[in-house]
Amino acid sequence: MSDNATVLIVDDEPSITDLYALRLREEYDVRTAYGGEEALKQIDEDVDVVLLDRRMPDLSGDEVLDHIQERGLSPGVAMVTAVDPDFDILDLGFDAYVVKPVPEEKLKETVETLLRRSSYDSKLQELTSLMSKRAALKAEISPDELDDNAEYERLGERIDSLRAELDDTVESLDEEDFSAAFYALSRGQE
């Protein structure tokens, strides 16, 4: 999961930011920001995961998160904070909430979880795109012509492959990921 993944660590306490960077640097491309304003300068489409402190003096993590979403960026975001969660988090668009202090294994596990979750979306998007193409072809081209077309056959094979991968993914989801996926799907249908 970690090949070429970029992680942006945002915390106004340089010692924490630098510690997290040290812990993750061997496995990821790491960027650091020592406050919210600096985070906005560092974030771009290449960032896969953001570890975001919630309380910062210049720009809060909540505000940074809003700016990320306004810019149309979609990295996995973990609020990594000393603030215990409350109902106010329900309206925030983050993917994980981790309370400090964060042991090294929990930090790495959080990043890997967010990277894994991001791959679910791309596979599902690809599957729906390919299925739309197949449906369009079925509506316009005779079954005999479809059966004789190698590209159409490859399309079917790719759809079958993606379905199998997604089935395996669903089976491998832990309870938290399954609940998150179910919630995301149900929100998307409103």
Protein backbone atom coordinates (compact mmCIF):
# COMPACT_ATOMS: atom_id res chain seq x y z
CA MET A 1 0.00 0.00 0.00
CA SER A 2 2.78 2.46 0.76
CA ASP A 3 4.57 2.61 -2.63
CA ASN A 4 5.09 6.32 -3.34
CA ALA A 5 2.34 7.35 -0.93
CA THR A 6 2.70 10.91 0.33
CA VAL A 7 1.75 11.77 3.90
CA LEU A 8 1.33 15.35 5.12
CA ILE A 9 1.76 15.76 8.87
CA VAL A 10 0.20 18.92 10.30
CA ASP A 11 0.71 19.90 13.94
CA ASP A 12 1.63 23.19 15.59
CA GLU A 13 3.95 21.37 17.99
CA PRO A 14 7.19 20.86 16.00
CA SER A 15 8.37 18.04 18.27
CA ILE A 16 5.24 15.99 17.52
CA THR A 17 5.35 16.77 13.80
CA ASP A 18 9.01 15.81 13.59
CA LEU A 19 8.48 12.63 15.63
CA TYR A 20 5.66 11.46 13.36
CA ALA A 21 7.79 12.30 10.30
CA LEU A 22 10.67 10.29 11.69
CA ARG A 23 8.38 7.31 12.31
CA LEU A 24 6.91 7.39 8.80
CA ARG A 25 9.78 8.60 6.61
CA GLU A 26 11.16 5.12 5.80
CA GLU A 27 7.86 3.95 4.31
CA TYR A 28 6.35 7.11 2.83
CA ASP A 29 7.18 10.42 1.20
CA VAL A 30 6.59 12.75 4.13
CA ARG A 31 5.76 16.45 4.16
CA THR A 32 5.48 18.47 7.35
CA ALA A 33 3.59 21.62 8.25
CA TYR A 34 3.84 23.34 11.61
CA GLY A 35 0.43 24.98 11.43
CA GLY A 36 -2.75 25.24 9.41
CA GLU A 37 -1.63 28.03 7.08
CA GLU A 38 1.54 26.13 6.21
CA ALA A 39 -0.55 22.99 5.62
CA LEU A 40 -2.57 24.79 2.95
CA LYS A 41 0.67 25.61 1.14
CA GLN A 42 1.84 21.98 1.34
CA ILE A 43 -1.37 20.18 0.35
CA ASP A 44 -1.90 19.29 -3.29
CA GLU A 45 -3.23 16.41 -5.40
CA ASP A 46 -0.09 14.35 -4.66
CA VAL A 47 -0.90 14.05 -0.94
CA ASP A 48 -2.54 10.71 -0.17
CA VAL A 49 -2.95 11.03 3.61
CA VAL A 50 -3.11 13.98 5.99
CA LEU A 51 -2.45 13.55 9.70
CA LEU A 52 -4.10 16.70 11.03
CA ASP A 53 -4.01 18.22 14.49
CA ARG A 54 -7.36 19.66 15.41
CA ARG A 55 -6.39 22.57 17.65
CA MET A 56 -3.86 24.96 16.16
CA PRO A 57 -3.61 28.69 16.80
CA ASP A 58 -3.37 30.06 13.25
CA LEU A 59 -5.92 27.87 11.49
CA SER A 60 -7.69 24.97 13.19
CA GLY A 61 -7.67 21.45 11.81
CA ASP A 62 -11.41 21.80 11.19
CA GLU A 63 -10.72 24.87 9.02
CA VAL A 64 -7.85 23.15 7.19
CA LEU A 65 -10.19 20.25 6.47
CA ASP A 66 -12.79 22.64 5.05
CA HIS A 67 -10.15 24.22 2.77
CA ILE A 68 -8.99 20.80 1.57
CA GLN A 69 -12.53 19.88 0.60
CA GLU A 70 -13.23 23.28 -0.99
CA ARG A 71 -10.18 22.78 -3.21
CA GLY A 72 -11.59 19.45 -4.40
CA LEU A 73 -8.75 17.41 -2.92
CA SER A 74 -9.54 14.02 -1.47
CA PRO A 75 -6.69 12.63 0.61
CA GLY A 76 -7.49 10.34 3.50
CA VAL A 77 -7.59 12.57 6.57
CA ALA A 78 -6.99 11.49 10.14
CA MET A 79 -7.61 13.97 12.91
CA VAL A 80 -4.72 13.27 15.27
CA THR A 81 -5.53 15.30 18.33
CA ALA A 82 -5.61 15.60 22.09
CA VAL A 83 -9.30 16.57 21.85
CA ASP A 84 -11.59 13.70 22.84
CA PRO A 85 -14.30 13.16 20.22
CA ASP A 86 -17.74 14.63 20.78
CA PHE A 87 -20.86 14.97 18.63
CA ASP A 88 -19.34 17.97 16.87
CA ILE A 89 -17.18 15.57 14.85
CA LEU A 90 -20.25 14.23 13.04
CA ASP A 91 -20.20 17.10 10.57
CA LEU A 92 -16.46 16.95 9.87
CA GLY A 93 -15.26 15.21 6.72
CA PHE A 94 -12.33 13.23 8.10
CA ASP A 95 -11.72 9.50 7.71
CA ALA A 96 -10.23 8.58 11.10
CA TYR A 97 -10.02 10.14 14.56
CA VAL A 98 -6.99 9.33 16.68
CA VAL A 99 -6.46 10.69 20.19
CA LYS A 100 -2.93 11.62 21.30
CA PRO A 101 -0.58 10.29 22.44
CA VAL A 102 -0.25 8.04 19.40
CA PRO A 103 2.09 5.05 19.63
CA GLU A 104 4.20 4.34 16.55
CA GLU A 105 2.23 1.24 15.56
CA LYS A 106 -1.11 3.08 15.80
CA LEU A 107 0.30 5.90 13.65
CA LYS A 108 1.46 3.48 10.95
CA GLU A 109 -1.76 1.48 11.16
CA THR A 110 -3.81 4.66 10.68
CA VAL A 111 -1.88 5.63 7.55
CA GLU A 112 -2.16 2.12 6.07
CA THR A 113 -5.89 2.01 6.82
CA LEU A 114 -6.46 5.32 5.05
CA LEU A 115 -4.42 4.19 2.05
CA ARG A 116 -6.32 0.90 1.91
CA ARG A 117 -9.65 2.71 2.07
CA SER A 118 -8.68 5.01 -0.77
CA SER A 119 -8.11 2.00 -3.01
CA TYR A 120 -11.68 0.79 -2.40
CA ASP A 121 -13.10 3.87 -4.01
CA SER A 122 -10.98 3.70 -7.15
CA LYS A 123 -11.82 0.05 -7.77
CA LEU A 124 -15.51 0.67 -7.23
CA GLN A 125 -15.37 3.68 -9.53
CA GLU A 126 -13.62 1.66 -12.20
CA LEU A 127 -16.16 -1.15 -11.89
CA THR A 128 -19.14 1.16 -12.26
CA SER A 129 -17.52 2.91 -15.22
CA LEU A 130 -16.83 -0.38 -16.99
CA MET A 131 -20.33 -1.69 -16.26
CA SER A 132 -21.82 1.50 -17.74
CA LYS A 133 -19.76 0.97 -20.87
CA ARG A 134 -20.90 -2.62 -21.12
CA ALA A 135 -24.55 -1.63 -20.65
CA ALA A 136 -24.25 1.01 -23.36
CA LEU A 137 -22.71 -1.49 -25.75
CA LYS A 138 -25.37 -4.11 -24.98
CA ALA A 139 -28.09 -1.58 -25.71
CA GLU A 140 -26.70 -0.67 -29.12
CA ILE A 141 -24.88 -3.70 -30.52
CA SER A 142 -26.22 -7.14 -31.33
CA PRO A 143 -25.24 -10.06 -29.07
CA ASP A 144 -23.52 -11.81 -31.99
CA GLU A 145 -21.30 -8.79 -32.66
CA LEU A 146 -20.48 -8.48 -28.95
CA ASP A 147 -19.56 -12.17 -28.73
CA ASP A 148 -17.14 -11.78 -31.66
CA ASN A 149 -15.34 -8.73 -30.25
CA ALA A 150 -12.10 -9.36 -28.31
CA GLU A 151 -12.16 -5.92 -26.65
CA TYR A 152 -15.68 -6.54 -25.37
CA GLU A 153 -14.52 -9.91 -24.03
CA ARG A 154 -11.61 -8.21 -22.21
CA LEU A 155 -14.08 -5.70 -20.79
CA GLY A 156 -16.13 -8.56 -19.35
CA GLU A 157 -13.02 -10.20 -17.93
CA ARG A 158 -11.97 -6.94 -16.24
CA ILE A 159 -15.45 -6.52 -14.76
CA ASP A 160 -15.35 -10.08 -13.41
CA SER A 161 -11.87 -9.47 -12.00
CA LEU A 162 -12.90 -6.25 -10.27
CA ARG A 163 -16.02 -7.88 -8.84
CA ALA A 164 -13.88 -10.68 -7.40
CA GLU A 165 -11.42 -8.14 -5.92
CA LEU A 166 -14.26 -6.17 -4.38
CA ASP A 167 -15.81 -9.35 -2.99
CA ASP A 168 -12.44 -10.21 -1.43
CA THR A 169 -12.17 -6.66 -0.13
CA VAL A 170 -15.58 -6.79 1.51
CA GLU A 171 -14.71 -10.12 3.13
CA SER A 172 -11.41 -8.71 4.44
CA LEU A 173 -12.90 -5.52 5.91
CA ASP A 174 -12.59 -5.23 9.63
CA GLU A 175 -15.67 -4.06 11.50
CA GLU A 176 -14.63 -0.39 11.47
CA ASP A 177 -13.91 -0.36 7.72
CA PHE A 178 -17.14 -2.22 6.95
CA SER A 179 -19.17 0.25 9.01
CA ALA A 180 -17.41 3.18 7.35
CA ALA A 181 -18.00 1.75 3.88
CA PHE A 182 -21.66 1.06 4.63
CA TYR A 183 -22.10 4.59 6.01
CA ALA A 184 -20.42 6.14 2.97
CA LEU A 185 -22.60 4.14 0.59
CA SER A 186 -25.79 5.04 2.45
CA ARG A 187 -24.82 8.76 2.50
CA GLY A 188 -24.16 8.65 -1.23
CA GLN A 189 -27.71 7.48 -1.90
CA GLU A 190 -29.44 10.39 -0.13
